[in-house]
Every structure is written in structure tokens, then in C-alpha cells.
């Protein structure tokens, strides 16, 4: 089973060309994935509702065997236009349950910031048991917000484990009160806007009662993280090539990890696509 994650920067490449087609072809050339998670996806509408840009529909058209779920972190009227901007998850596997998370945004005076969101899917996996996949994009400038978002995601993953271990009572003919499918297998991916030497990374990849593990470190313990941004865009990333995009997994996933590949050749976005293989 393969999961791909990519911050596509609203399909704008380092060459300033906006091309959803190039994004889709790059994903296809990497082998795609049963689940494809993209961050920074844009919809733009005129005030009368006419479509100016619909990258959700465009991306979906290249993957007709996948269902698409869009989670706009931003849905606002800006300069007379309705803008929606956020994350999508495309799945060729049955989606057993779906949740949209509005990530915390505590006040951070004096700092630029943007609303953030996460998509949580439990899919009927191709390796025998359900898998929870959470795709997200964390705050860049406001460190207080990013820390709160890391804590929120850790709590989300911890609560999922607790619900699996301590299941709710299943009522007879429960209907909407029927229990959602639970699993110990969780994958958290996306542009987390943190680096391997940051405090937030340490909180995700360790801490008391460790819950999440960096898949790269588990697969390649003697190698530095492959860069996921700054390879081609020195203007946005003056620090040069480094890693900000990750796959974190729960312990139940560790024996299933096979490969994590970063495409460092494409300049179709300021970030690079990552593809995790498990079996």
C-alpha cells in the first residue's frame, strides 16, 4: 500500500508556472498511491458563484478511481471573491469514516498566521486491517499556534488508541450512535512546518509514553532526512535544502514500513512529494 503526500503550493512551480496537470503527472510518474494527500489546494469563485479556479476538481479528474475529500482551512470572501484553500485527500480504498479537524489558532500578537486544517480518514486498507490517515499542514510563522496544533494532533492520535483499547458500548439498532471503525494503525503526514532539530519535532517523535515515530528515522536510521523544500527555491527558503514534510506512524505500523521515497527532482512546487510504502 502506498500513501503520497505533497504540498503543491496551489500548483505553482518554482518557475512561476501554475499547472495542476504537471502536479498530477508527477504523482502518476511516482506510481501514485492508494491514498494521495495534497496540501495548499485552491478554489476561487467570483461573487456570483462562477468558477475561476477549482484545483480540487482538476486533480480529481486525473485520478478517476479515487474519491476526493476537500478540507478548506480557509473559506472566506476576499477582495470580492470566495476563496477556499486547504487540504485534499484522494482514496481508491473504501473510506470507512471521515473527519475534518479545525486546528487550534490561539492568539499570537505580532505574527502573521493562517487558519489550518486536517483531514482524518479511516480506510479499508489493502494490507488486511483499517488504517487511519491524517493529512495536515501546520502553521509556519506563529510558533505558539504550531505548538498548539502539534499537541492537538498528538491528542487526536492518543484518543484514537484509547478508543480502540476501551471501545464504546455498541447499542442495539444504534444508527448514528453506532461506533465508528477504530484501529491502532495511524499515519500522520503533511507539511508540518517543523524541522528535525525543532522542539515540536521532538514532541511528536518522542516524549513521555511515546506514541508517534518518524518513518524516515525508522527506515533509514543512519541517514539525514532527504530535503523536502529549498532545493530549487532559494527565495522562499534561503536556508537551502531541508526537511519540513514528514510521515509519522504509530507503533503498530512500524513492522509494515517498507520504503519512504522523496522526489527531489521536480520543481513543480516549492516542496517535494513523498511516498510511503507499507505492506
C-alpha atoms as a PDB file:
ATOM      1  CA  UNK A   1       0.000   0.000   0.000  1.00  0.00           C
ATOM      2  CA  UNK A   2       1.269   3.473  -0.904  1.00  0.00           C
ATOM      3  CA  UNK A   3       0.436   6.889   0.543  1.00  0.00           C
ATOM      4  CA  UNK A   4       1.683  10.042  -1.161  1.00  0.00           C
ATOM      5  CA  UNK A   5       1.896  13.476   0.477  1.00  0.00           C
ATOM      6  CA  UNK A   6       2.750  16.793  -1.200  1.00  0.00           C
ATOM      7  CA  UNK A   7       2.391  20.499  -0.509  1.00  0.00           C
ATOM      8  CA  UNK A   8       1.631  21.603  -4.067  1.00  0.00           C
ATOM      9  CA  UNK A   9       1.702  25.403  -3.420  1.00  0.00           C
ATOM     10  CA  UNK A  10      -1.586  25.879  -5.326  1.00  0.00           C
ATOM     11  CA  UNK A  11       0.126  24.105  -8.263  1.00  0.00           C
ATOM     12  CA  UNK A  12       2.650  26.916  -8.710  1.00  0.00           C
ATOM     13  CA  UNK A  13       6.107  25.692  -9.619  1.00  0.00           C
ATOM     14  CA  UNK A  14       9.412  27.345  -8.858  1.00  0.00           C
ATOM     15  CA  UNK A  15       9.313  28.524 -12.488  1.00  0.00           C
ATOM     16  CA  UNK A  16       6.128  30.506 -11.596  1.00  0.00           C
ATOM     17  CA  UNK A  17       4.047  28.274 -13.905  1.00  0.00           C
ATOM     18  CA  UNK A  18       0.720  27.162 -12.401  1.00  0.00           C
ATOM     19  CA  UNK A  19      -0.091  23.665 -13.646  1.00  0.00           C
ATOM     20  CA  UNK A  20      -2.325  21.102 -11.969  1.00  0.00           C
ATOM     21  CA  UNK A  21      -1.572  18.842 -14.926  1.00  0.00           C
ATOM     22  CA  UNK A  22       2.141  18.872 -14.065  1.00  0.00           C
ATOM     23  CA  UNK A  23       1.358  18.097 -10.425  1.00  0.00           C
ATOM     24  CA  UNK A  24      -0.852  15.159 -11.431  1.00  0.00           C
ATOM     25  CA  UNK A  25       1.653  13.768 -13.920  1.00  0.00           C
ATOM     26  CA  UNK A  26       4.438  13.969 -11.321  1.00  0.00           C
ATOM     27  CA  UNK A  27       2.301  11.989  -8.879  1.00  0.00           C
ATOM     28  CA  UNK A  28       1.479   9.443 -11.585  1.00  0.00           C
ATOM     29  CA  UNK A  29       5.151   9.132 -12.563  1.00  0.00           C
ATOM     30  CA  UNK A  30       5.971   8.309  -8.927  1.00  0.00           C
ATOM     31  CA  UNK A  31       3.461   5.473  -9.049  1.00  0.00           C
ATOM     32  CA  UNK A  32       0.645   7.380  -7.399  1.00  0.00           C
ATOM     33  CA  UNK A  33      -0.848   5.833  -4.296  1.00  0.00           C
ATOM     34  CA  UNK A  34      -3.984   4.286  -2.919  1.00  0.00           C
ATOM     35  CA  UNK A  35      -4.183   7.470  -0.863  1.00  0.00           C
ATOM     36  CA  UNK A  36      -2.939  10.832  -2.173  1.00  0.00           C
ATOM     37  CA  UNK A  37      -2.760  13.767   0.238  1.00  0.00           C
ATOM     38  CA  UNK A  38      -2.117  17.285  -1.044  1.00  0.00           C
ATOM     39  CA  UNK A  39      -1.779  20.494   0.903  1.00  0.00           C
ATOM     40  CA  UNK A  40      -2.280  24.084  -0.348  1.00  0.00           C
ATOM     41  CA  UNK A  41      -5.080  23.347  -2.809  1.00  0.00           C
ATOM     42  CA  UNK A  42      -7.095  26.311  -4.110  1.00  0.00           C
ATOM     43  CA  UNK A  43     -10.664  27.001  -5.155  1.00  0.00           C
ATOM     44  CA  UNK A  44     -11.577  30.515  -6.289  1.00  0.00           C
ATOM     45  CA  UNK A  45     -15.032  31.788  -7.252  1.00  0.00           C
ATOM     46  CA  UNK A  46     -16.473  35.067  -8.457  1.00  0.00           C
ATOM     47  CA  UNK A  47     -19.067  36.688  -6.202  1.00  0.00           C
ATOM     48  CA  UNK A  48     -21.802  35.293  -8.478  1.00  0.00           C
ATOM     49  CA  UNK A  49     -20.500  31.770  -7.893  1.00  0.00           C
ATOM     50  CA  UNK A  50     -18.817  31.253 -11.254  1.00  0.00           C
ATOM     51  CA  UNK A  51     -15.632  29.209 -11.047  1.00  0.00           C
ATOM     52  CA  UNK A  52     -12.272  30.884 -11.578  1.00  0.00           C
ATOM     53  CA  UNK A  53     -10.080  28.078 -10.236  1.00  0.00           C
ATOM     54  CA  UNK A  54     -11.054  24.643  -8.976  1.00  0.00           C
ATOM     55  CA  UNK A  55      -7.914  22.638  -8.304  1.00  0.00           C
ATOM     56  CA  UNK A  56      -9.926  20.064  -6.337  1.00  0.00           C
ATOM     57  CA  UNK A  57     -11.942  19.103  -9.411  1.00  0.00           C
ATOM     58  CA  UNK A  58      -8.877  19.323 -11.660  1.00  0.00           C
ATOM     59  CA  UNK A  59      -6.844  16.962  -9.505  1.00  0.00           C
ATOM     60  CA  UNK A  60      -9.755  14.582  -9.129  1.00  0.00           C
ATOM     61  CA  UNK A  61     -10.098  14.364 -12.918  1.00  0.00           C
ATOM     62  CA  UNK A  62      -6.610  12.819 -13.182  1.00  0.00           C
ATOM     63  CA  UNK A  63      -7.438  10.104 -10.621  1.00  0.00           C
ATOM     64  CA  UNK A  64     -10.890   8.822 -11.620  1.00  0.00           C
ATOM     65  CA  UNK A  65     -10.539   5.688  -9.465  1.00  0.00           C
ATOM     66  CA  UNK A  66     -10.156   7.818  -6.324  1.00  0.00           C
ATOM     67  CA  UNK A  67     -12.843   9.576  -4.316  1.00  0.00           C
ATOM     68  CA  UNK A  68     -11.829  13.080  -3.246  1.00  0.00           C
ATOM     69  CA  UNK A  69     -12.356  14.832   0.082  1.00  0.00           C
ATOM     70  CA  UNK A  70     -11.556  18.543   0.428  1.00  0.00           C
ATOM     71  CA  UNK A  71     -10.967  20.243   3.753  1.00  0.00           C
ATOM     72  CA  UNK A  72     -10.694  24.019   3.300  1.00  0.00           C
ATOM     73  CA  UNK A  73      -8.844  25.636   6.171  1.00  0.00           C
ATOM     74  CA  UNK A  74      -9.875  28.994   4.704  1.00  0.00           C
ATOM     75  CA  UNK A  75     -13.312  29.698   3.245  1.00  0.00           C
ATOM     76  CA  UNK A  76     -13.734  33.467   3.034  1.00  0.00           C
ATOM     77  CA  UNK A  77     -14.819  36.365   0.882  1.00  0.00           C
ATOM     78  CA  UNK A  78     -11.596  38.196  -0.007  1.00  0.00           C
ATOM     79  CA  UNK A  79     -11.457  41.133  -2.417  1.00  0.00           C
ATOM     80  CA  UNK A  80     -14.910  40.300  -3.717  1.00  0.00           C
ATOM     81  CA  UNK A  81     -14.082  36.654  -4.427  1.00  0.00           C
ATOM     82  CA  UNK A  82     -14.854  33.492  -2.494  1.00  0.00           C
ATOM     83  CA  UNK A  83     -11.575  31.700  -1.732  1.00  0.00           C
ATOM     84  CA  UNK A  84     -11.222  28.203  -0.361  1.00  0.00           C
ATOM     85  CA  UNK A  85      -7.746  26.939   0.473  1.00  0.00           C
ATOM     86  CA  UNK A  86      -6.710  23.788   2.260  1.00  0.00           C
ATOM     87  CA  UNK A  87      -6.028  20.075   2.032  1.00  0.00           C
ATOM     88  CA  UNK A  88      -7.404  17.257  -0.082  1.00  0.00           C
ATOM     89  CA  UNK A  89      -7.221  13.509   0.298  1.00  0.00           C
ATOM     90  CA  UNK A  90      -7.949  11.174  -2.604  1.00  0.00           C
ATOM     91  CA  UNK A  91      -8.537   7.500  -1.877  1.00  0.00           C
ATOM     92  CA  UNK A  92      -9.042   4.483  -4.119  1.00  0.00           C
ATOM     93  CA  UNK A  93      -9.797   2.479  -0.959  1.00  0.00           C
ATOM     94  CA  UNK A  94     -13.162   2.483   0.792  1.00  0.00           C
ATOM     95  CA  UNK A  95     -13.300   5.322   3.327  1.00  0.00           C
ATOM     96  CA  UNK A  96     -14.896   3.835   6.446  1.00  0.00           C
ATOM     97  CA  UNK A  97     -15.023   7.116   8.317  1.00  0.00           C
ATOM     98  CA  UNK A  98     -14.064  10.724   7.662  1.00  0.00           C
ATOM     99  CA  UNK A  99     -13.464  13.670   9.978  1.00  0.00           C
ATOM    100  CA  UNK A 100     -12.392  17.253   9.351  1.00  0.00           C
ATOM    101  CA  UNK A 101     -10.301  18.949  12.037  1.00  0.00           C
ATOM    102  CA  UNK A 102     -10.075  22.691  12.547  1.00  0.00           C
ATOM    103  CA  UNK A 103      -6.672  23.058  14.190  1.00  0.00           C
ATOM    104  CA  UNK A 104      -6.253  25.425  17.165  1.00  0.00           C
ATOM    105  CA  UNK A 105      -5.289  29.010  16.442  1.00  0.00           C
ATOM    106  CA  UNK A 106      -4.550  30.770  19.750  1.00  0.00           C
ATOM    107  CA  UNK A 107      -3.855  34.485  19.569  1.00  0.00           C
ATOM    108  CA  UNK A 108      -0.257  35.256  18.670  1.00  0.00           C
ATOM    109  CA  UNK A 109       0.084  39.073  18.550  1.00  0.00           C
ATOM    110  CA  UNK A 110       2.583  40.486  16.095  1.00  0.00           C
ATOM    111  CA  UNK A 111       2.845  37.344  13.975  1.00  0.00           C
ATOM    112  CA  UNK A 112       1.365  36.594  10.580  1.00  0.00           C
ATOM    113  CA  UNK A 113      -0.699  33.413  10.611  1.00  0.00           C
ATOM    114  CA  UNK A 114      -3.190  31.375   8.610  1.00  0.00           C
ATOM    115  CA  UNK A 115      -6.053  29.076   9.603  1.00  0.00           C
ATOM    116  CA  UNK A 116      -5.042  25.404   9.484  1.00  0.00           C
ATOM    117  CA  UNK A 117      -6.932  22.151   8.983  1.00  0.00           C
ATOM    118  CA  UNK A 118      -6.513  18.385   8.941  1.00  0.00           C
ATOM    119  CA  UNK A 119      -8.308  15.537   7.185  1.00  0.00           C
ATOM    120  CA  UNK A 120      -8.704  12.243   9.063  1.00  0.00           C
ATOM    121  CA  UNK A 121      -9.728   9.144   7.134  1.00  0.00           C
ATOM    122  CA  UNK A 122     -10.028   5.539   8.245  1.00  0.00           C
ATOM    123  CA  UNK A 123      -9.659   3.449   5.110  1.00  0.00           C
ATOM    124  CA  UNK A 124     -10.207  -0.221   4.446  1.00  0.00           C
ATOM    125  CA  UNK A 125      -6.588  -0.923   3.639  1.00  0.00           C
ATOM    126  CA  UNK A 126      -5.130  -3.310   1.116  1.00  0.00           C
ATOM    127  CA  UNK A 127      -2.991  -4.989   3.810  1.00  0.00           C
ATOM    128  CA  UNK A 128      -5.736  -6.511   5.901  1.00  0.00           C
ATOM    129  CA  UNK A 129      -6.846  -4.014   8.552  1.00  0.00           C
ATOM    130  CA  UNK A 130      -8.183  -0.456   8.669  1.00  0.00           C
ATOM    131  CA  UNK A 131      -5.641   2.362   8.691  1.00  0.00           C
ATOM    132  CA  UNK A 132      -6.179   5.893   9.958  1.00  0.00           C
ATOM    133  CA  UNK A 133      -4.509   8.554   7.801  1.00  0.00           C
ATOM    134  CA  UNK A 134      -4.345  12.166   8.948  1.00  0.00           C
ATOM    135  CA  UNK A 135      -3.130  14.724   6.398  1.00  0.00           C
ATOM    136  CA  UNK A 136      -2.401  18.250   7.576  1.00  0.00           C
ATOM    137  CA  UNK A 137      -0.468  21.482   7.107  1.00  0.00           C
ATOM    138  CA  UNK A 138       0.725  23.270  10.232  1.00  0.00           C
ATOM    139  CA  UNK A 139       1.319  26.961  10.912  1.00  0.00           C
ATOM    140  CA  UNK A 140       4.555  28.487   9.580  1.00  0.00           C
ATOM    141  CA  UNK A 141       5.070  31.874  11.276  1.00  0.00           C
ATOM    142  CA  UNK A 142       3.208  31.703  14.602  1.00  0.00           C
ATOM    143  CA  UNK A 143       5.156  29.221  16.727  1.00  0.00           C
ATOM    144  CA  UNK A 144       2.553  29.335  19.532  1.00  0.00           C
ATOM    145  CA  UNK A 145      -0.095  28.145  17.107  1.00  0.00           C
ATOM    146  CA  UNK A 146       2.142  25.447  15.607  1.00  0.00           C
ATOM    147  CA  UNK A 147       2.878  24.083  19.090  1.00  0.00           C
ATOM    148  CA  UNK A 148      -0.846  24.027  19.908  1.00  0.00           C
ATOM    149  CA  UNK A 149      -1.525  22.208  16.640  1.00  0.00           C
ATOM    150  CA  UNK A 150       1.146  19.592  17.391  1.00  0.00           C
ATOM    151  CA  UNK A 151      -0.427  19.000  20.799  1.00  0.00           C
ATOM    152  CA  UNK A 152      -3.881  18.728  19.241  1.00  0.00           C
ATOM    153  CA  UNK A 153      -2.717  16.107  16.736  1.00  0.00           C
ATOM    154  CA  UNK A 154      -0.948  14.108  19.431  1.00  0.00           C
ATOM    155  CA  UNK A 155      -4.153  14.136  21.465  1.00  0.00           C
ATOM    156  CA  UNK A 156      -6.165  13.077  18.412  1.00  0.00           C
ATOM    157  CA  UNK A 157      -3.875  10.093  17.865  1.00  0.00           C
ATOM    158  CA  UNK A 158      -3.818   9.232  21.574  1.00  0.00           C
ATOM    159  CA  UNK A 159      -7.615   9.352  21.804  1.00  0.00           C
ATOM    160  CA  UNK A 160      -7.881   7.010  18.813  1.00  0.00           C
ATOM    161  CA  UNK A 161      -5.645   4.461  20.563  1.00  0.00           C
ATOM    162  CA  UNK A 162      -7.674   4.787  23.771  1.00  0.00           C
ATOM    163  CA  UNK A 163     -10.949   4.260  21.904  1.00  0.00           C
ATOM    164  CA  UNK A 164      -9.551   1.091  20.319  1.00  0.00           C
ATOM    165  CA  UNK A 165      -8.416  -0.285  23.678  1.00  0.00           C
ATOM    166  CA  UNK A 166     -11.564   0.854  25.502  1.00  0.00           C
ATOM    167  CA  UNK A 167     -14.366   0.565  22.922  1.00  0.00           C
ATOM    168  CA  UNK A 168     -17.695   2.255  23.396  1.00  0.00           C
ATOM    169  CA  UNK A 169     -20.775   0.165  24.136  1.00  0.00           C
ATOM    170  CA  UNK A 170     -22.487  -0.825  20.906  1.00  0.00           C
ATOM    171  CA  UNK A 171     -26.185  -0.015  21.221  1.00  0.00           C
ATOM    172  CA  UNK A 172     -28.793  -2.201  19.508  1.00  0.00           C
ATOM    173  CA  UNK A 173     -30.028  -0.573  16.294  1.00  0.00           C
ATOM    174  CA  UNK A 174     -27.802   2.365  17.159  1.00  0.00           C
ATOM    175  CA  UNK A 175     -27.928   4.089  13.776  1.00  0.00           C
ATOM    176  CA  UNK A 176     -25.916   7.280  14.109  1.00  0.00           C
ATOM    177  CA  UNK A 177     -24.797   6.101  17.556  1.00  0.00           C
ATOM    178  CA  UNK A 178     -23.086   3.070  16.086  1.00  0.00           C
ATOM    179  CA  UNK A 179     -19.372   3.055  16.818  1.00  0.00           C
ATOM    180  CA  UNK A 180     -17.015   4.179  14.087  1.00  0.00           C
ATOM    181  CA  UNK A 181     -14.261   1.766  12.993  1.00  0.00           C
ATOM    182  CA  UNK A 182     -11.193   2.054  15.203  1.00  0.00           C
ATOM    183  CA  UNK A 183      -7.609   0.963  14.627  1.00  0.00           C
ATOM    184  CA  UNK A 184      -4.184   1.114  16.241  1.00  0.00           C
ATOM    185  CA  UNK A 185      -2.649   1.808  12.803  1.00  0.00           C
ATOM    186  CA  UNK A 186      -2.307   5.565  12.312  1.00  0.00           C
ATOM    187  CA  UNK A 187      -0.267   7.566   9.810  1.00  0.00           C
ATOM    188  CA  UNK A 188       0.166  11.341  10.188  1.00  0.00           C
ATOM    189  CA  UNK A 189       1.552  13.111   7.133  1.00  0.00           C
ATOM    190  CA  UNK A 190       1.906  16.500   5.521  1.00  0.00           C
ATOM    191  CA  UNK A 191       3.806  19.759   5.581  1.00  0.00           C
ATOM    192  CA  UNK A 192       4.313  20.120   9.316  1.00  0.00           C
ATOM    193  CA  UNK A 193       6.427  23.288   9.072  1.00  0.00           C
ATOM    194  CA  UNK A 194       8.920  21.990  11.586  1.00  0.00           C
ATOM    195  CA  UNK A 195      12.438  20.651  11.208  1.00  0.00           C
ATOM    196  CA  UNK A 196      14.111  17.551  12.721  1.00  0.00           C
ATOM    197  CA  UNK A 197      16.016  19.731  15.201  1.00  0.00           C
ATOM    198  CA  UNK A 198      12.932  21.613  16.457  1.00  0.00           C
ATOM    199  CA  UNK A 199      11.177  21.299  19.813  1.00  0.00           C
ATOM    200  CA  UNK A 200       7.887  20.435  18.106  1.00  0.00           C
ATOM    201  CA  UNK A 201       9.547  17.594  16.200  1.00  0.00           C
ATOM    202  CA  UNK A 202      10.873  16.180  19.474  1.00  0.00           C
ATOM    203  CA  UNK A 203       7.378  16.358  20.949  1.00  0.00           C
ATOM    204  CA  UNK A 204       5.955  14.382  18.021  1.00  0.00           C
ATOM    205  CA  UNK A 205       8.799  11.899  17.775  1.00  0.00           C
ATOM    206  CA  UNK A 206       9.262  11.085  21.431  1.00  0.00           C
ATOM    207  CA  UNK A 207       8.243  12.359  24.802  1.00  0.00           C
ATOM    208  CA  UNK A 208       6.657  10.506  27.691  1.00  0.00           C
ATOM    209  CA  UNK A 209       4.583   7.491  26.637  1.00  0.00           C
ATOM    210  CA  UNK A 210       5.841   7.772  23.088  1.00  0.00           C
ATOM    211  CA  UNK A 211       3.070   7.448  20.540  1.00  0.00           C
ATOM    212  CA  UNK A 212       4.413   8.525  17.130  1.00  0.00           C
ATOM    213  CA  UNK A 213       7.579   7.567  15.269  1.00  0.00           C
ATOM    214  CA  UNK A 214       9.244   9.349  12.340  1.00  0.00           C
ATOM    215  CA  UNK A 215       9.034   6.823   9.487  1.00  0.00           C
ATOM    216  CA  UNK A 216      12.227   8.156   7.884  1.00  0.00           C
ATOM    217  CA  UNK A 217      14.285   7.519  11.018  1.00  0.00           C
ATOM    218  CA  UNK A 218      12.822   4.051  11.367  1.00  0.00           C
ATOM    219  CA  UNK A 219      13.638   3.107   7.779  1.00  0.00           C
ATOM    220  CA  UNK A 220      16.956   4.941   7.409  1.00  0.00           C
ATOM    221  CA  UNK A 221      18.393   5.435  10.922  1.00  0.00           C
ATOM    222  CA  UNK A 222      21.859   6.332   9.657  1.00  0.00           C
ATOM    223  CA  UNK A 223      20.772   8.876   7.043  1.00  0.00           C
ATOM    224  CA  UNK A 224      19.810  12.526   7.328  1.00  0.00           C
ATOM    225  CA  UNK A 225      16.303  13.338   6.208  1.00  0.00           C
ATOM    226  CA  UNK A 226      16.043  13.899   2.484  1.00  0.00           C
ATOM    227  CA  UNK A 227      15.222  17.555   1.782  1.00  0.00           C
ATOM    228  CA  UNK A 228      11.565  18.297   1.084  1.00  0.00           C
ATOM    229  CA  UNK A 229      11.884  22.022   0.347  1.00  0.00           C
ATOM    230  CA  UNK A 230      14.509  24.614  -0.525  1.00  0.00           C
ATOM    231  CA  UNK A 231      16.075  22.559  -3.318  1.00  0.00           C
ATOM    232  CA  UNK A 232      15.041  24.867  -6.140  1.00  0.00           C
ATOM    233  CA  UNK A 233      13.516  27.898  -4.386  1.00  0.00           C
ATOM    234  CA  UNK A 234      16.209  29.853  -2.553  1.00  0.00           C
ATOM    235  CA  UNK A 235      13.999  32.956  -2.356  1.00  0.00           C
ATOM    236  CA  UNK A 236      11.375  31.399  -0.101  1.00  0.00           C
ATOM    237  CA  UNK A 237      13.907  29.089   1.521  1.00  0.00           C
ATOM    238  CA  UNK A 238      17.202  30.998   1.966  1.00  0.00           C
ATOM    239  CA  UNK A 239      18.422  28.293   4.369  1.00  0.00           C
ATOM    240  CA  UNK A 240      18.684  25.933   1.407  1.00  0.00           C
ATOM    241  CA  UNK A 241      17.504  22.317   1.128  1.00  0.00           C
ATOM    242  CA  UNK A 242      15.992  20.894   4.311  1.00  0.00           C
ATOM    243  CA  UNK A 243      13.107  18.739   5.546  1.00  0.00           C
ATOM    244  CA  UNK A 244       9.681  20.043   6.643  1.00  0.00           C
ATOM    245  CA  UNK A 245       7.396  17.287   5.357  1.00  0.00           C
ATOM    246  CA  UNK A 246       7.020  14.011   7.228  1.00  0.00           C
ATOM    247  CA  UNK A 247       5.291  10.722   7.771  1.00  0.00           C
ATOM    248  CA  UNK A 248       4.794   9.866  11.445  1.00  0.00           C
ATOM    249  CA  UNK A 249       3.337   6.471  12.368  1.00  0.00           C
ATOM    250  CA  UNK A 250       2.133   4.615  15.427  1.00  0.00           C
ATOM    251  CA  UNK A 251       3.976   1.547  16.707  1.00  0.00           C
ATOM    252  CA  UNK A 252       1.531  -0.826  15.006  1.00  0.00           C
ATOM    253  CA  UNK A 253       2.716   0.477  11.616  1.00  0.00           C
ATOM    254  CA  UNK A 254       6.438   0.032  12.295  1.00  0.00           C
ATOM    255  CA  UNK A 255       6.697  -3.638  11.187  1.00  0.00           C
ATOM    256  CA  UNK A 256       4.869  -2.731   7.972  1.00  0.00           C
ATOM    257  CA  UNK A 257       7.210   0.060   6.839  1.00  0.00           C
ATOM    258  CA  UNK A 258       8.926  -0.746   3.531  1.00  0.00           C
ATOM    259  CA  UNK A 259      10.098   2.453   1.826  1.00  0.00           C
ATOM    260  CA  UNK A 260       9.874   6.228   2.032  1.00  0.00           C
ATOM    261  CA  UNK A 261      10.860   7.957  -1.184  1.00  0.00           C
ATOM    262  CA  UNK A 262      11.250  11.722  -1.653  1.00  0.00           C
ATOM    263  CA  UNK A 263      11.174  13.028  -5.212  1.00  0.00           C
ATOM    264  CA  UNK A 264      13.973  15.608  -5.190  1.00  0.00           C
ATOM    265  CA  UNK A 265      13.916  16.143  -8.972  1.00  0.00           C
ATOM    266  CA  UNK A 266      10.667  18.016  -9.563  1.00  0.00           C
ATOM    267  CA  UNK A 267      10.321  21.792  -9.296  1.00  0.00           C
ATOM    268  CA  UNK A 268       6.527  21.724  -9.771  1.00  0.00           C
ATOM    269  CA  UNK A 269       6.157  23.183  -6.246  1.00  0.00           C
ATOM    270  CA  UNK A 270       8.453  24.690  -3.637  1.00  0.00           C
ATOM    271  CA  UNK A 271       8.029  21.411  -1.729  1.00  0.00           C
ATOM    272  CA  UNK A 272       8.843  17.876  -2.831  1.00  0.00           C
ATOM    273  CA  UNK A 273       6.409  14.924  -2.910  1.00  0.00           C
ATOM    274  CA  UNK A 274       6.907  11.984  -0.513  1.00  0.00           C
ATOM    275  CA  UNK A 275       5.630   8.443  -0.974  1.00  0.00           C
ATOM    276  CA  UNK A 276       5.415   5.928   1.871  1.00  0.00           C
ATOM    277  CA  UNK A 277       5.085   2.204   1.126  1.00  0.00           C
ATOM    278  CA  UNK A 278       3.793  -0.261   3.705  1.00  0.00           C
ATOM    279  CA  UNK A 279       2.859  -3.927   3.499  1.00  0.00           C
END
